PDB file of N, CA and C in Angstrom:
ATOM      1  N   UNK A   1     -21.979   7.521 -15.435  1.00  0.00           N
ATOM      2  CA  UNK A   1     -21.519   8.733 -15.173  1.00  0.00           C
ATOM      3  C   UNK A   1     -19.937   8.812 -15.570  1.00  0.00           C
ATOM      4  N   UNK A   2     -19.693   9.767 -16.359  1.00  0.00           N
ATOM      5  CA  UNK A   2     -18.328   9.898 -16.875  1.00  0.00           C
ATOM      6  C   UNK A   2     -17.483  10.810 -15.969  1.00  0.00           C
ATOM      7  N   UNK A   3     -16.244  10.562 -15.831  1.00  0.00           N
ATOM      8  CA  UNK A   3     -15.317  11.368 -15.116  1.00  0.00           C
ATOM      9  C   UNK A   3     -14.808  12.452 -15.942  1.00  0.00           C
ATOM     10  N   UNK A   4     -14.602  13.587 -15.420  1.00  0.00           N
ATOM     11  CA  UNK A   4     -13.969  14.722 -16.045  1.00  0.00           C
ATOM     12  C   UNK A   4     -12.536  14.430 -16.253  1.00  0.00           C
ATOM     13  N   UNK A   5     -11.959  14.692 -17.419  1.00  0.00           N
ATOM     14  CA  UNK A   5     -10.503  14.546 -17.720  1.00  0.00           C
ATOM     15  C   UNK A   5      -9.807  15.631 -17.058  1.00  0.00           C
ATOM     16  N   UNK A   6      -8.686  15.246 -16.291  1.00  0.00           N
ATOM     17  CA  UNK A   6      -7.876  16.263 -15.685  1.00  0.00           C
ATOM     18  C   UNK A   6      -7.038  17.046 -16.601  1.00  0.00           C
ATOM     19  N   UNK A   7      -6.836  18.281 -16.420  1.00  0.00           N
ATOM     20  CA  UNK A   7      -6.037  19.213 -17.277  1.00  0.00           C
ATOM     21  C   UNK A   7      -4.604  18.886 -16.783  1.00  0.00           C
ATOM     22  N   UNK A   8      -3.653  19.105 -17.739  1.00  0.00           N
ATOM     23  CA  UNK A   8      -2.166  18.860 -17.437  1.00  0.00           C
ATOM     24  C   UNK A   8      -1.744  19.452 -16.102  1.00  0.00           C
ATOM     25  N   UNK A   9      -1.976  20.701 -15.914  1.00  0.00           N
ATOM     26  CA  UNK A   9      -1.503  21.399 -14.689  1.00  0.00           C
ATOM     27  C   UNK A   9      -2.245  20.817 -13.358  1.00  0.00           C
ATOM     28  N   UNK A  10      -3.528  20.485 -13.599  1.00  0.00           N
ATOM     29  CA  UNK A  10      -4.242  19.931 -12.352  1.00  0.00           C
ATOM     30  C   UNK A  10      -3.664  18.517 -12.126  1.00  0.00           C
ATOM     31  N   UNK A  11      -3.201  17.740 -13.162  1.00  0.00           N
ATOM     32  CA  UNK A  11      -2.696  16.439 -12.942  1.00  0.00           C
ATOM     33  C   UNK A  11      -1.316  16.473 -12.271  1.00  0.00           C
ATOM     34  N   UNK A  12      -0.536  17.451 -12.756  1.00  0.00           N
ATOM     35  CA  UNK A  12       0.740  17.652 -12.171  1.00  0.00           C
ATOM     36  C   UNK A  12       0.705  18.062 -10.698  1.00  0.00           C
ATOM     37  N   UNK A  13      -0.307  18.865 -10.375  1.00  0.00           N
ATOM     38  CA  UNK A  13      -0.512  19.351  -9.022  1.00  0.00           C
ATOM     39  C   UNK A  13      -0.775  18.171  -8.104  1.00  0.00           C
ATOM     40  N   UNK A  14      -1.552  17.230  -8.749  1.00  0.00           N
ATOM     41  CA  UNK A  14      -2.040  16.104  -7.928  1.00  0.00           C
ATOM     42  C   UNK A  14      -0.740  15.197  -7.495  1.00  0.00           C
ATOM     43  N   UNK A  15       0.293  15.346  -8.200  1.00  0.00           N
ATOM     44  CA  UNK A  15       1.488  14.534  -7.957  1.00  0.00           C
ATOM     45  C   UNK A  15       2.401  15.122  -6.829  1.00  0.00           C
ATOM     46  N   UNK A  16       2.099  16.361  -6.562  1.00  0.00           N
ATOM     47  CA  UNK A  16       2.912  17.187  -5.519  1.00  0.00           C
ATOM     48  C   UNK A  16       2.396  16.834  -4.136  1.00  0.00           C
ATOM     49  N   UNK A  17       3.180  16.434  -3.168  1.00  0.00           N
ATOM     50  CA  UNK A  17       2.840  16.318  -1.818  1.00  0.00           C
ATOM     51  C   UNK A  17       3.340  17.396  -0.955  1.00  0.00           C
ATOM     52  N   UNK A  18       2.499  18.265  -0.551  1.00  0.00           N
ATOM     53  CA  UNK A  18       3.009  19.479   0.202  1.00  0.00           C
ATOM     54  C   UNK A  18       3.736  19.113   1.487  1.00  0.00           C
ATOM     55  N   UNK A  19       3.460  17.917   2.056  1.00  0.00           N
ATOM     56  CA  UNK A  19       4.131  17.492   3.318  1.00  0.00           C
ATOM     57  C   UNK A  19       5.630  17.405   3.092  1.00  0.00           C
ATOM     58  N   UNK A  20       6.103  17.170   1.856  1.00  0.00           N
ATOM     59  CA  UNK A  20       7.442  16.990   1.526  1.00  0.00           C
ATOM     60  C   UNK A  20       8.225  18.196   1.076  1.00  0.00           C
ATOM     61  N   UNK A  21       7.602  19.337   1.213  1.00  0.00           N
ATOM     62  CA  UNK A  21       8.252  20.623   1.014  1.00  0.00           C
ATOM     63  C   UNK A  21       9.429  20.815   1.833  1.00  0.00           C
ATOM     64  N   UNK A  22      10.518  21.130   1.287  1.00  0.00           N
ATOM     65  CA  UNK A  22      11.773  21.237   2.053  1.00  0.00           C
ATOM     66  C   UNK A  22      12.664  19.920   2.173  1.00  0.00           C
ATOM     67  N   UNK A  23      12.240  18.898   1.423  1.00  0.00           N
ATOM     68  CA  UNK A  23      12.936  17.609   1.493  1.00  0.00           C
ATOM     69  C   UNK A  23      14.361  17.731   0.839  1.00  0.00           C
ATOM     70  N   UNK A  24      15.345  17.220   1.491  1.00  0.00           N
ATOM     71  CA  UNK A  24      16.717  17.291   1.043  1.00  0.00           C
ATOM     72  C   UNK A  24      17.037  16.563  -0.206  1.00  0.00           C
ATOM     73  N   UNK A  25      16.043  15.691  -0.468  1.00  0.00           N
ATOM     74  CA  UNK A  25      16.335  14.849  -1.729  1.00  0.00           C
ATOM     75  C   UNK A  25      15.880  15.476  -2.990  1.00  0.00           C
ATOM     76  N   UNK A  26      15.276  16.589  -2.886  1.00  0.00           N
ATOM     77  CA  UNK A  26      14.666  17.292  -4.033  1.00  0.00           C
ATOM     78  C   UNK A  26      15.751  17.501  -5.043  1.00  0.00           C
ATOM     79  N   UNK A  27      15.508  17.131  -6.335  1.00  0.00           N
ATOM     80  CA  UNK A  27      16.498  17.291  -7.437  1.00  0.00           C
ATOM     81  C   UNK A  27      17.561  16.187  -7.512  1.00  0.00           C
ATOM     82  N   UNK A  28      17.513  15.218  -6.577  1.00  0.00           N
ATOM     83  CA  UNK A  28      18.587  14.278  -6.483  1.00  0.00           C
ATOM     84  C   UNK A  28      17.986  12.849  -6.663  1.00  0.00           C
ATOM     85  N   UNK A  29      16.954  12.690  -7.387  1.00  0.00           N
ATOM     86  CA  UNK A  29      16.160  11.461  -7.583  1.00  0.00           C
ATOM     87  C   UNK A  29      17.058  10.173  -7.888  1.00  0.00           C
ATOM     88  N   UNK A  30      18.032  10.236  -8.740  1.00  0.00           N
ATOM     89  CA  UNK A  30      18.803   8.965  -9.033  1.00  0.00           C
ATOM     90  C   UNK A  30      19.524   8.365  -7.793  1.00  0.00           C
ATOM     91  N   UNK A  31      19.899   9.285  -6.878  1.00  0.00           N
ATOM     92  CA  UNK A  31      20.574   8.715  -5.667  1.00  0.00           C
ATOM     93  C   UNK A  31      19.605   7.861  -4.785  1.00  0.00           C
ATOM     94  N   UNK A  32      18.260   8.124  -4.907  1.00  0.00           N
ATOM     95  CA  UNK A  32      17.309   7.453  -4.090  1.00  0.00           C
ATOM     96  C   UNK A  32      16.614   6.400  -4.732  1.00  0.00           C
ATOM     97  N   UNK A  33      16.943   6.150  -6.181  1.00  0.00           N
ATOM     98  CA  UNK A  33      16.220   5.103  -6.886  1.00  0.00           C
ATOM     99  C   UNK A  33      16.533   3.677  -6.298  1.00  0.00           C
ATOM    100  N   UNK A  34      15.667   2.750  -6.515  1.00  0.00           N
ATOM    101  CA  UNK A  34      15.825   1.446  -6.147  1.00  0.00           C
ATOM    102  C   UNK A  34      16.975   0.755  -6.954  1.00  0.00           C
ATOM    103  N   UNK A  35      16.768   0.820  -8.266  1.00  0.00           N
ATOM    104  CA  UNK A  35      17.699   0.240  -9.119  1.00  0.00           C
ATOM    105  C   UNK A  35      18.155   1.155 -10.304  1.00  0.00           C
ATOM    106  N   UNK A  36      19.369   1.204 -10.749  1.00  0.00           N
ATOM    107  CA  UNK A  36      19.771   1.884 -11.936  1.00  0.00           C
ATOM    108  C   UNK A  36      20.326   0.843 -12.853  1.00  0.00           C
ATOM    109  N   UNK A  37      19.881   0.815 -14.096  1.00  0.00           N
ATOM    110  CA  UNK A  37      20.328  -0.178 -15.070  1.00  0.00           C
ATOM    111  C   UNK A  37      21.868  -0.232 -15.155  1.00  0.00           C
ATOM    112  N   UNK A  38      22.449  -1.416 -15.144  1.00  0.00           N
ATOM    113  CA  UNK A  38      23.914  -1.718 -15.369  1.00  0.00           C
ATOM    114  C   UNK A  38      24.718  -1.256 -14.042  1.00  0.00           C
ATOM    115  N   UNK A  39      24.086  -1.143 -13.025  1.00  0.00           N
ATOM    116  CA  UNK A  39      24.790  -0.792 -11.793  1.00  0.00           C
ATOM    117  C   UNK A  39      25.206  -1.977 -11.029  1.00  0.00           C
ATOM    118  N   UNK A  40      26.412  -1.878 -10.553  1.00  0.00           N
ATOM    119  CA  UNK A  40      26.875  -3.094  -9.733  1.00  0.00           C
ATOM    120  C   UNK A  40      26.255  -3.135  -8.328  1.00  0.00           C
ATOM    121  N   UNK A  41      26.250  -4.218  -7.715  1.00  0.00           N
ATOM    122  CA  UNK A  41      25.626  -4.246  -6.339  1.00  0.00           C
ATOM    123  C   UNK A  41      26.447  -3.433  -5.399  1.00  0.00           C
ATOM    124  N   UNK A  42      27.721  -3.335  -5.618  1.00  0.00           N
ATOM    125  CA  UNK A  42      28.595  -2.509  -4.732  1.00  0.00           C
ATOM    126  C   UNK A  42      28.320  -1.103  -4.926  1.00  0.00           C
ATOM    127  N   UNK A  43      28.152  -0.661  -6.100  1.00  0.00           N
ATOM    128  CA  UNK A  43      27.791   0.756  -6.437  1.00  0.00           C
ATOM    129  C   UNK A  43      26.395   1.126  -5.861  1.00  0.00           C
ATOM    130  N   UNK A  44      25.342   0.163  -6.023  1.00  0.00           N
ATOM    131  CA  UNK A  44      24.056   0.327  -5.514  1.00  0.00           C
ATOM    132  C   UNK A  44      24.092   0.509  -4.012  1.00  0.00           C
ATOM    133  N   UNK A  45      24.798  -0.315  -3.370  1.00  0.00           N
ATOM    134  CA  UNK A  45      24.850  -0.344  -1.930  1.00  0.00           C
ATOM    135  C   UNK A  45      25.432   1.051  -1.374  1.00  0.00           C
ATOM    136  N   UNK A  46      26.529   1.473  -2.051  1.00  0.00           N
ATOM    137  CA  UNK A  46      27.179   2.747  -1.717  1.00  0.00           C
ATOM    138  C   UNK A  46      26.195   3.886  -1.918  1.00  0.00           C
ATOM    139  N   UNK A  47      25.500   3.822  -3.057  1.00  0.00           N
ATOM    140  CA  UNK A  47      24.552   4.908  -3.385  1.00  0.00           C
ATOM    141  C   UNK A  47      23.406   4.930  -2.402  1.00  0.00           C
ATOM    142  N   UNK A  48      22.985   3.788  -1.952  1.00  0.00           N
ATOM    143  CA  UNK A  48      21.870   3.711  -0.880  1.00  0.00           C
ATOM    144  C   UNK A  48      22.387   4.298   0.452  1.00  0.00           C
ATOM    145  N   UNK A  49      23.603   3.965   0.735  1.00  0.00           N
ATOM    146  CA  UNK A  49      24.189   4.464   2.003  1.00  0.00           C
ATOM    147  C   UNK A  49      24.254   6.019   2.040  1.00  0.00           C
ATOM    148  N   UNK A  50      24.608   6.611   0.807  1.00  0.00           N
ATOM    149  CA  UNK A  50      24.730   7.994   0.754  1.00  0.00           C
ATOM    150  C   UNK A  50      23.280   8.612   0.867  1.00  0.00           C
ATOM    151  N   UNK A  51      22.306   7.920   0.265  1.00  0.00           N
ATOM    152  CA  UNK A  51      20.951   8.478   0.289  1.00  0.00           C
ATOM    153  C   UNK A  51      20.413   8.400   1.770  1.00  0.00           C
ATOM    154  N   UNK A  52      20.720   7.373   2.439  1.00  0.00           N
ATOM    155  CA  UNK A  52      20.223   7.327   3.928  1.00  0.00           C
ATOM    156  C   UNK A  52      20.872   8.417   4.709  1.00  0.00           C
ATOM    157  N   UNK A  53      22.118   8.749   4.459  1.00  0.00           N
ATOM    158  CA  UNK A  53      22.718   9.871   5.240  1.00  0.00           C
ATOM    159  C   UNK A  53      21.958  11.154   4.952  1.00  0.00           C
ATOM    160  N   UNK A  54      21.572  11.360   3.750  1.00  0.00           N
ATOM    161  CA  UNK A  54      20.734  12.587   3.390  1.00  0.00           C
ATOM    162  C   UNK A  54      19.358  12.551   4.259  1.00  0.00           C
ATOM    163  N   UNK A  55      18.817  11.312   4.185  1.00  0.00           N
ATOM    164  CA  UNK A  55      17.467  11.177   4.928  1.00  0.00           C
ATOM    165  C   UNK A  55      17.516  11.465   6.295  1.00  0.00           C
ATOM    166  N   UNK A  56      18.670  10.860   7.025  1.00  0.00           N
ATOM    167  CA  UNK A  56      18.771  10.978   8.471  1.00  0.00           C
ATOM    168  C   UNK A  56      18.549  12.417   9.033  1.00  0.00           C
ATOM    169  N   UNK A  57      19.078  13.322   8.161  1.00  0.00           N
ATOM    170  CA  UNK A  57      19.110  14.753   8.703  1.00  0.00           C
ATOM    171  C   UNK A  57      17.912  15.518   8.017  1.00  0.00           C
ATOM    172  N   UNK A  58      17.130  14.999   7.228  1.00  0.00           N
ATOM    173  CA  UNK A  58      16.029  15.705   6.482  1.00  0.00           C
ATOM    174  C   UNK A  58      14.944  16.074   7.454  1.00  0.00           C
ATOM    175  N   UNK A  59      14.540  17.342   7.302  1.00  0.00           N
ATOM    176  CA  UNK A  59      13.386  17.806   8.174  1.00  0.00           C
ATOM    177  C   UNK A  59      12.096  17.294   7.970  1.00  0.00           C
ATOM    178  N   UNK A  60      11.819  16.578   6.881  1.00  0.00           N
ATOM    179  CA  UNK A  60      10.524  16.065   6.557  1.00  0.00           C
ATOM    180  C   UNK A  60      10.551  14.426   6.541  1.00  0.00           C
ATOM    181  N   UNK A  61      11.451  13.927   7.341  1.00  0.00           N
ATOM    182  CA  UNK A  61      11.566  12.492   7.271  1.00  0.00           C
ATOM    183  C   UNK A  61      10.219  11.719   7.720  1.00  0.00           C
ATOM    184  N   UNK A  62       9.633  12.184   8.732  1.00  0.00           N
ATOM    185  CA  UNK A  62       8.423  11.424   9.186  1.00  0.00           C
ATOM    186  C   UNK A  62       7.304  11.560   8.175  1.00  0.00           C
ATOM    187  N   UNK A  63       7.209  12.737   7.507  1.00  0.00           N
ATOM    188  CA  UNK A  63       6.205  12.916   6.428  1.00  0.00           C
ATOM    189  C   UNK A  63       6.528  12.075   5.279  1.00  0.00           C
ATOM    190  N   UNK A  64       7.781  11.965   4.998  1.00  0.00           N
ATOM    191  CA  UNK A  64       8.333  11.140   3.959  1.00  0.00           C
ATOM    192  C   UNK A  64       7.967   9.650   4.111  1.00  0.00           C
ATOM    193  N   UNK A  65       8.160   9.130   5.282  1.00  0.00           N
ATOM    194  CA  UNK A  65       7.863   7.800   5.680  1.00  0.00           C
ATOM    195  C   UNK A  65       6.319   7.560   5.418  1.00  0.00           C
ATOM    196  N   UNK A  66       5.453   8.476   5.874  1.00  0.00           N
ATOM    197  CA  UNK A  66       4.080   8.330   5.708  1.00  0.00           C
ATOM    198  C   UNK A  66       3.672   8.351   4.233  1.00  0.00           C
ATOM    199  N   UNK A  67       4.219   9.241   3.460  1.00  0.00           N
ATOM    200  CA  UNK A  67       3.938   9.379   2.064  1.00  0.00           C
ATOM    201  C   UNK A  67       4.326   8.111   1.234  1.00  0.00           C
ATOM    202  N   UNK A  68       5.458   7.535   1.616  1.00  0.00           N
ATOM    203  CA  UNK A  68       5.954   6.337   0.985  1.00  0.00           C
ATOM    204  C   UNK A  68       4.966   5.152   1.165  1.00  0.00           C
ATOM    205  N   UNK A  69       4.454   5.049   2.410  1.00  0.00           N
ATOM    206  CA  UNK A  69       3.584   4.021   2.811  1.00  0.00           C
ATOM    207  C   UNK A  69       2.192   4.185   2.012  1.00  0.00           C
ATOM    208  N   UNK A  70       1.755   5.448   1.895  1.00  0.00           N
ATOM    209  CA  UNK A  70       0.526   5.701   1.211  1.00  0.00           C
ATOM    210  C   UNK A  70       0.564   5.416  -0.186  1.00  0.00           C
ATOM    211  N   UNK A  71       1.755   5.532  -0.894  1.00  0.00           N
ATOM    212  CA  UNK A  71       1.849   5.494  -2.320  1.00  0.00           C
ATOM    213  C   UNK A  71       2.561   4.201  -2.763  1.00  0.00           C
ATOM    214  N   UNK A  72       2.885   3.292  -1.898  1.00  0.00           N
ATOM    215  CA  UNK A  72       3.563   2.031  -2.215  1.00  0.00           C
ATOM    216  C   UNK A  72       4.833   2.300  -3.095  1.00  0.00           C
ATOM    217  N   UNK A  73       5.608   3.260  -2.505  1.00  0.00           N
ATOM    218  CA  UNK A  73       6.733   3.779  -3.173  1.00  0.00           C
ATOM    219  C   UNK A  73       7.921   2.850  -3.184  1.00  0.00           C
ATOM    220  N   UNK A  74       8.888   2.985  -4.171  1.00  0.00           N
ATOM    221  CA  UNK A  74      10.060   2.145  -4.098  1.00  0.00           C
ATOM    222  C   UNK A  74      11.351   3.033  -3.964  1.00  0.00           C
ATOM    223  N   UNK A  75      12.422   2.463  -3.648  1.00  0.00           N
ATOM    224  CA  UNK A  75      13.709   3.233  -3.533  1.00  0.00           C
ATOM    225  C   UNK A  75      13.904   3.574  -2.031  1.00  0.00           C
ATOM    226  N   UNK A  76      14.733   4.569  -1.831  1.00  0.00           N
ATOM    227  CA  UNK A  76      15.035   5.071  -0.477  1.00  0.00           C
ATOM    228  C   UNK A  76      14.111   6.147  -0.078  1.00  0.00           C
ATOM    229  N   UNK A  77      13.358   5.837   0.937  1.00  0.00           N
ATOM    230  CA  UNK A  77      12.399   6.824   1.453  1.00  0.00           C
ATOM    231  C   UNK A  77      12.522   6.876   3.056  1.00  0.00           C
ATOM    232  N   UNK A  78      12.691   8.044   3.640  1.00  0.00           N
ATOM    233  CA  UNK A  78      12.926   8.173   5.021  1.00  0.00           C
ATOM    234  C   UNK A  78      13.930   7.266   5.587  1.00  0.00           C
ATOM    235  N   UNK A  79      15.062   7.096   4.779  1.00  0.00           N
ATOM    236  CA  UNK A  79      16.255   6.273   5.150  1.00  0.00           C
ATOM    237  C   UNK A  79      16.053   4.789   5.193  1.00  0.00           C
ATOM    238  N   UNK A  80      14.896   4.314   4.530  1.00  0.00           N
ATOM    239  CA  UNK A  80      14.623   2.897   4.414  1.00  0.00           C
ATOM    240  C   UNK A  80      14.494   2.523   2.843  1.00  0.00           C
ATOM    241  N   UNK A  81      15.000   1.349   2.581  1.00  0.00           N
ATOM    242  CA  UNK A  81      14.864   0.823   1.154  1.00  0.00           C
ATOM    243  C   UNK A  81      13.482   0.186   1.080  1.00  0.00           C
ATOM    244  N   UNK A  82      12.706   0.669   0.198  1.00  0.00           N
ATOM    245  CA  UNK A  82      11.438   0.160  -0.077  1.00  0.00           C
ATOM    246  C   UNK A  82      11.456  -0.530  -1.394  1.00  0.00           C
ATOM    247  N   UNK A  83      11.396  -1.824  -1.390  1.00  0.00           N
ATOM    248  CA  UNK A  83      11.401  -2.676  -2.588  1.00  0.00           C
ATOM    249  C   UNK A  83      10.014  -2.803  -3.205  1.00  0.00           C
ATOM    250  N   UNK A  84      10.006  -2.977  -4.519  1.00  0.00           N
ATOM    251  CA  UNK A  84       8.691  -3.269  -5.133  1.00  0.00           C
ATOM    252  C   UNK A  84       7.957  -4.362  -4.599  1.00  0.00           C
ATOM    253  N   UNK A  85       6.703  -4.267  -4.425  1.00  0.00           N
ATOM    254  CA  UNK A  85       5.923  -5.330  -3.851  1.00  0.00           C
ATOM    255  C   UNK A  85       5.324  -6.199  -4.962  1.00  0.00           C
ATOM    256  N   UNK A  86       5.264  -7.387  -4.736  1.00  0.00           N
ATOM    257  CA  UNK A  86       4.734  -8.245  -5.722  1.00  0.00           C
ATOM    258  C   UNK A  86       3.459  -8.964  -5.277  1.00  0.00           C
ATOM    259  N   UNK A  87       2.489  -9.086  -6.015  1.00  0.00           N
ATOM    260  CA  UNK A  87       1.264  -9.668  -5.572  1.00  0.00           C
ATOM    261  C   UNK A  87       1.530 -11.121  -5.164  1.00  0.00           C
ATOM    262  N   UNK A  88       1.062 -11.483  -4.018  1.00  0.00           N
ATOM    263  CA  UNK A  88       1.153 -12.910  -3.657  1.00  0.00           C
ATOM    264  C   UNK A  88       0.147 -13.816  -4.321  1.00  0.00           C
ATOM    265  N   UNK A  89       0.603 -15.004  -4.796  1.00  0.00           N
ATOM    266  CA  UNK A  89      -0.343 -15.884  -5.496  1.00  0.00           C
ATOM    267  C   UNK A  89      -1.196 -16.637  -4.436  1.00  0.00           C
ATOM    268  N   UNK A  90      -2.332 -16.897  -4.794  1.00  0.00           N
ATOM    269  CA  UNK A  90      -3.257 -17.714  -3.889  1.00  0.00           C
ATOM    270  C   UNK A  90      -2.773 -19.117  -3.900  1.00  0.00           C
ATOM    271  N   UNK A  91      -2.911 -19.816  -2.786  1.00  0.00           N
ATOM    272  CA  UNK A  91      -2.528 -21.177  -2.709  1.00  0.00           C
ATOM    273  C   UNK A  91      -3.517 -21.987  -3.585  1.00  0.00           C
ATOM    274  N   UNK A  92      -3.048 -23.029  -4.155  1.00  0.00           N
ATOM    275  CA  UNK A  92      -3.910 -23.857  -5.067  1.00  0.00           C
ATOM    276  C   UNK A  92      -4.848 -24.575  -4.134  1.00  0.00           C
ATOM    277  N   UNK A  93      -6.129 -24.691  -4.641  1.00  0.00           N
ATOM    278  CA  UNK A  93      -7.160 -25.404  -3.808  1.00  0.00           C
ATOM    279  C   UNK A  93      -7.133 -26.822  -4.035  1.00  0.00           C
TER     280      UNK A  93
END
């Protein structure tokens, strides 16, 4: 059985999480990114502090936390830094 290919608008709509409507981070993605190329650790730490301050007062913080866990997201979500997960290697037999 073949799957129907999603149309562009349908695909875009599937990326939107209605629970996050009203999020204070909207349009400010770089502030919440995990890493930015050529950024110093000091700049990264300061940027993450600023992002957390936005999150703390965000009206959708709880929904953001749930969405981040569901999608294995990285960066600052619900005032927490979520780092990329790496698959754990199986122990040698």
